[in-house]
């Protein structure tokens, strides 16, 4: 009975490890969707476009949390007819974007690390029972359980090993003030280039052409 309990416990914890990883991934996806609130990110411009066809441009980089902050033009946001349902800030709507994609982000590595620890805990009992010298049949069951658990958990270990935290060149030893100054300079450059967008040329409060 102890042999079967140990084997079942081992495989059950592998399933729990995958459940932890899946729930963490889902929570991250829901969180990102909630933060965007219907805004569309345009990677080619490094900017967000709101449902009212206005643009939010990069304003600062939070090096500690590794998120980029984007903000709309205050005069445009304050004159927006749907501002009450969008933001209460008088400085324009802000949207954040994590610079590290899943599973390279710190959150993903943290939860994958927990999942791998759970797998290791699942291996402790059957290995301990195997070391007590059970019969051949019991030993065979324990070996099968350990091998199966190890093979099933390989993707978790592989992803954790192959996806170190991504740190862009020149950012590893960059202070927060330097990062913010660099992003503000990039935002100024983008501002000079965006004059071709009709949404930016419209006067605040004007409606988009039908």
Protein backbone atom coordinates (compact mmCIF):
# COMPACT_ATOMS: atom_id res chain seq x y z
CA UNK A 1 0.00 0.00 0.00
CA UNK A 2 2.81 2.41 0.85
CA UNK A 3 4.40 1.76 -2.52
CA UNK A 4 1.27 2.66 -4.45
CA UNK A 5 0.62 5.70 -2.25
CA UNK A 6 4.17 6.96 -2.83
CA UNK A 7 3.90 6.39 -6.58
CA UNK A 8 0.51 8.10 -6.76
CA UNK A 9 1.76 11.00 -4.61
CA UNK A 10 4.73 11.47 -6.94
CA UNK A 11 2.63 11.67 -10.10
CA UNK A 12 -0.03 13.80 -8.40
CA UNK A 13 2.57 16.43 -7.48
CA UNK A 14 3.75 16.55 -11.09
CA UNK A 15 0.16 17.33 -12.05
CA UNK A 16 0.05 19.99 -9.33
CA UNK A 17 3.24 21.53 -10.71
CA UNK A 18 1.68 21.87 -14.16
CA UNK A 19 -1.48 23.30 -12.60
CA UNK A 20 0.59 25.96 -10.81
CA UNK A 21 2.34 26.87 -14.06
CA UNK A 22 -0.94 27.01 -16.02
CA UNK A 23 -2.70 29.14 -13.39
CA UNK A 24 0.24 31.56 -13.27
CA UNK A 25 0.22 31.87 -17.06
CA UNK A 26 -3.54 32.47 -17.09
CA UNK A 27 -3.30 35.06 -14.31
CA UNK A 28 -0.60 36.93 -16.25
CA UNK A 29 -2.71 36.87 -19.41
CA UNK A 30 -5.81 38.15 -17.59
CA UNK A 31 -3.75 40.84 -15.86
CA UNK A 32 -2.28 42.11 -19.14
CA UNK A 33 -5.71 42.14 -20.75
CA UNK A 34 -7.17 44.07 -17.84
CA UNK A 35 -4.37 46.61 -17.92
CA UNK A 36 -4.77 47.25 -21.63
CA UNK A 37 -8.53 47.88 -21.32
CA UNK A 38 -9.22 47.61 -25.04
CA UNK A 39 -6.11 49.55 -26.07
CA UNK A 40 -4.11 48.14 -28.98
CA UNK A 41 -0.33 48.03 -28.84
CA UNK A 42 1.55 48.82 -32.08
CA UNK A 43 5.02 47.34 -31.84
CA UNK A 44 6.31 49.13 -34.94
CA UNK A 45 5.67 52.50 -33.27
CA UNK A 46 6.13 51.38 -29.65
CA UNK A 47 2.83 53.06 -28.81
CA UNK A 48 -0.73 52.23 -27.77
CA UNK A 49 -3.87 53.28 -29.64
CA UNK A 50 -6.99 53.82 -27.57
CA UNK A 51 -10.56 52.98 -28.68
CA UNK A 52 -11.04 56.70 -29.49
CA UNK A 53 -8.20 56.59 -32.06
CA UNK A 54 -5.75 58.52 -29.89
CA UNK A 55 -2.14 57.53 -29.21
CA UNK A 56 -0.29 56.90 -25.97
CA UNK A 57 3.47 57.29 -26.25
CA UNK A 58 6.28 55.97 -23.99
CA UNK A 59 6.95 58.26 -21.06
CA UNK A 60 9.14 56.33 -18.62
CA UNK A 61 10.67 52.96 -17.87
CA UNK A 62 10.30 51.33 -14.45
CA UNK A 63 13.55 49.38 -14.12
CA UNK A 64 12.58 47.78 -10.82
CA UNK A 65 9.32 46.27 -12.09
CA UNK A 66 10.58 46.10 -15.70
CA UNK A 67 7.55 47.78 -17.21
CA UNK A 68 7.28 50.57 -19.76
CA UNK A 69 4.75 53.30 -19.01
CA UNK A 70 2.81 55.01 -21.79
CA UNK A 71 0.63 58.11 -21.38
CA UNK A 72 -1.84 59.96 -23.54
CA UNK A 73 -1.76 63.69 -24.23
CA UNK A 74 -3.46 65.37 -21.22
CA UNK A 75 -5.37 67.93 -23.31
CA UNK A 76 -6.72 65.17 -25.55
CA UNK A 77 -7.65 62.83 -22.70
CA UNK A 78 -9.32 65.60 -20.66
CA UNK A 79 -11.51 66.55 -23.63
CA UNK A 80 -12.40 62.94 -24.47
CA UNK A 81 -16.15 62.20 -24.23
CA UNK A 82 -15.51 58.82 -22.58
CA UNK A 83 -12.88 59.97 -20.09
CA UNK A 84 -15.13 59.16 -17.11
CA UNK A 85 -15.03 55.48 -18.05
CA UNK A 86 -11.32 55.49 -18.92
CA UNK A 87 -9.33 57.42 -16.32
CA UNK A 88 -9.67 59.90 -13.46
CA UNK A 89 -6.20 61.33 -14.01
CA UNK A 90 -5.85 64.90 -15.28
CA UNK A 91 -2.43 63.99 -16.72
CA UNK A 92 -3.77 61.60 -19.36
CA UNK A 93 -4.50 57.87 -19.42
CA UNK A 94 -1.57 55.64 -18.55
CA UNK A 95 -0.98 52.10 -19.83
CA UNK A 96 1.82 49.78 -18.78
CA UNK A 97 3.57 47.05 -20.75
CA UNK A 98 5.92 44.41 -19.37
CA UNK A 99 9.16 44.37 -21.35
CA UNK A 100 9.73 40.66 -20.63
CA UNK A 101 7.39 38.25 -22.37
CA UNK A 102 6.22 35.05 -20.72
CA UNK A 103 8.06 32.79 -19.83
CA UNK A 104 11.15 35.05 -19.71
CA UNK A 105 9.61 37.35 -17.10
CA UNK A 106 10.53 37.23 -13.42
CA UNK A 107 6.98 36.21 -12.52
CA UNK A 108 7.07 33.25 -14.90
CA UNK A 109 10.45 32.10 -13.62
CA UNK A 110 9.27 32.43 -10.02
CA UNK A 111 6.18 30.27 -10.59
CA UNK A 112 8.11 27.78 -12.72
CA UNK A 113 10.65 27.55 -9.92
CA UNK A 114 7.85 26.74 -7.46
CA UNK A 115 6.51 24.13 -9.90
CA UNK A 116 9.94 22.50 -10.13
CA UNK A 117 10.27 22.46 -6.33
CA UNK A 118 6.89 20.72 -6.14
CA UNK A 119 8.19 18.07 -8.56
CA UNK A 120 11.27 17.52 -6.39
CA UNK A 121 9.08 17.13 -3.30
CA UNK A 122 7.06 14.55 -5.20
CA UNK A 123 10.20 12.51 -5.85
CA UNK A 124 11.33 12.45 -2.22
CA UNK A 125 8.78 9.94 -0.91
CA UNK A 126 9.11 7.24 -3.60
CA UNK A 127 12.91 7.50 -3.56
CA UNK A 128 12.87 7.24 0.23
CA UNK A 129 10.66 4.15 0.10
CA UNK A 130 12.90 2.63 -2.58
CA UNK A 131 15.95 3.08 -0.32
CA UNK A 132 14.30 1.05 2.45
CA UNK A 133 14.73 -2.12 0.37
CA UNK A 134 11.21 -3.12 -0.66
CA UNK A 135 10.49 -6.19 -2.74
CA UNK A 136 11.22 -6.38 -6.44
CA UNK A 137 7.61 -5.66 -7.43
CA UNK A 138 7.41 -2.60 -5.19
CA UNK A 139 10.81 -1.37 -6.36
CA UNK A 140 9.72 -1.71 -9.99
CA UNK A 141 6.57 0.36 -9.34
CA UNK A 142 8.59 3.07 -7.59
CA UNK A 143 11.16 3.22 -10.37
CA UNK A 144 8.42 3.52 -12.99
CA UNK A 145 6.78 6.35 -11.00
CA UNK A 146 10.06 8.25 -10.59
CA UNK A 147 10.98 7.87 -14.26
CA UNK A 148 7.53 8.97 -15.42
CA UNK A 149 7.56 11.99 -13.10
CA UNK A 150 11.03 12.97 -14.29
CA UNK A 151 10.09 12.71 -17.96
CA UNK A 152 6.80 14.56 -17.51
CA UNK A 153 8.52 17.42 -15.67
CA UNK A 154 11.29 17.87 -18.25
CA UNK A 155 9.45 20.72 -20.08
CA UNK A 156 9.26 22.69 -16.84
CA UNK A 157 12.97 22.32 -16.17
CA UNK A 158 13.86 22.94 -19.81
CA UNK A 159 11.84 26.16 -20.04
CA UNK A 160 13.30 27.41 -16.78
CA UNK A 161 16.84 26.74 -18.01
CA UNK A 162 16.35 28.06 -21.57
CA UNK A 163 14.56 31.29 -20.63
CA UNK A 164 16.79 33.46 -18.45
CA UNK A 165 15.56 36.92 -17.60
CA UNK A 166 16.10 39.11 -20.64
CA UNK A 167 18.09 42.28 -19.96
CA UNK A 168 18.63 44.53 -22.98
CA UNK A 169 22.19 45.59 -23.79
CA UNK A 170 23.30 48.55 -21.73
CA UNK A 171 20.49 48.19 -19.21
CA UNK A 172 22.06 45.77 -16.74
CA UNK A 173 23.98 48.50 -14.89
CA UNK A 174 21.66 51.34 -15.79
CA UNK A 175 20.09 53.37 -13.01
CA UNK A 176 16.40 54.19 -13.00
CA UNK A 177 17.09 57.88 -13.73
CA UNK A 178 19.28 56.96 -16.70
CA UNK A 179 16.63 54.55 -18.00
CA UNK A 180 13.92 57.20 -17.68
CA UNK A 181 16.07 59.80 -19.43
CA UNK A 182 16.79 57.37 -22.25
CA UNK A 183 13.11 56.54 -22.71
CA UNK A 184 12.11 60.21 -22.61
CA UNK A 185 14.63 60.94 -25.35
CA UNK A 186 13.13 58.10 -27.39
CA UNK A 187 9.63 59.47 -26.73
CA UNK A 188 10.71 62.92 -27.95
CA UNK A 189 12.05 61.36 -31.15
CA UNK A 190 8.78 59.52 -31.68
CA UNK A 191 6.81 62.71 -31.06
CA UNK A 192 8.69 64.44 -33.88
CA UNK A 193 7.83 61.54 -36.20
CA UNK A 194 4.15 61.14 -35.41
CA UNK A 195 2.88 64.29 -37.14
CA UNK A 196 1.64 62.10 -39.98
CA UNK A 197 -1.05 60.54 -37.80
CA UNK A 198 -4.47 62.09 -38.34
CA UNK A 199 -5.48 61.33 -34.77
CA UNK A 200 -2.67 63.56 -33.48
CA UNK A 201 -3.45 66.42 -35.86
CA UNK A 202 -7.08 66.69 -34.81
CA UNK A 203 -7.94 69.37 -32.32
CA UNK A 204 -8.90 68.15 -28.84
CA UNK A 205 -12.59 67.33 -28.64
CA UNK A 206 -13.06 67.01 -32.40
CA UNK A 207 -14.73 63.89 -33.67
CA UNK A 208 -13.20 61.40 -36.05
CA UNK A 209 -14.57 61.53 -39.61
CA UNK A 210 -17.30 59.00 -40.29
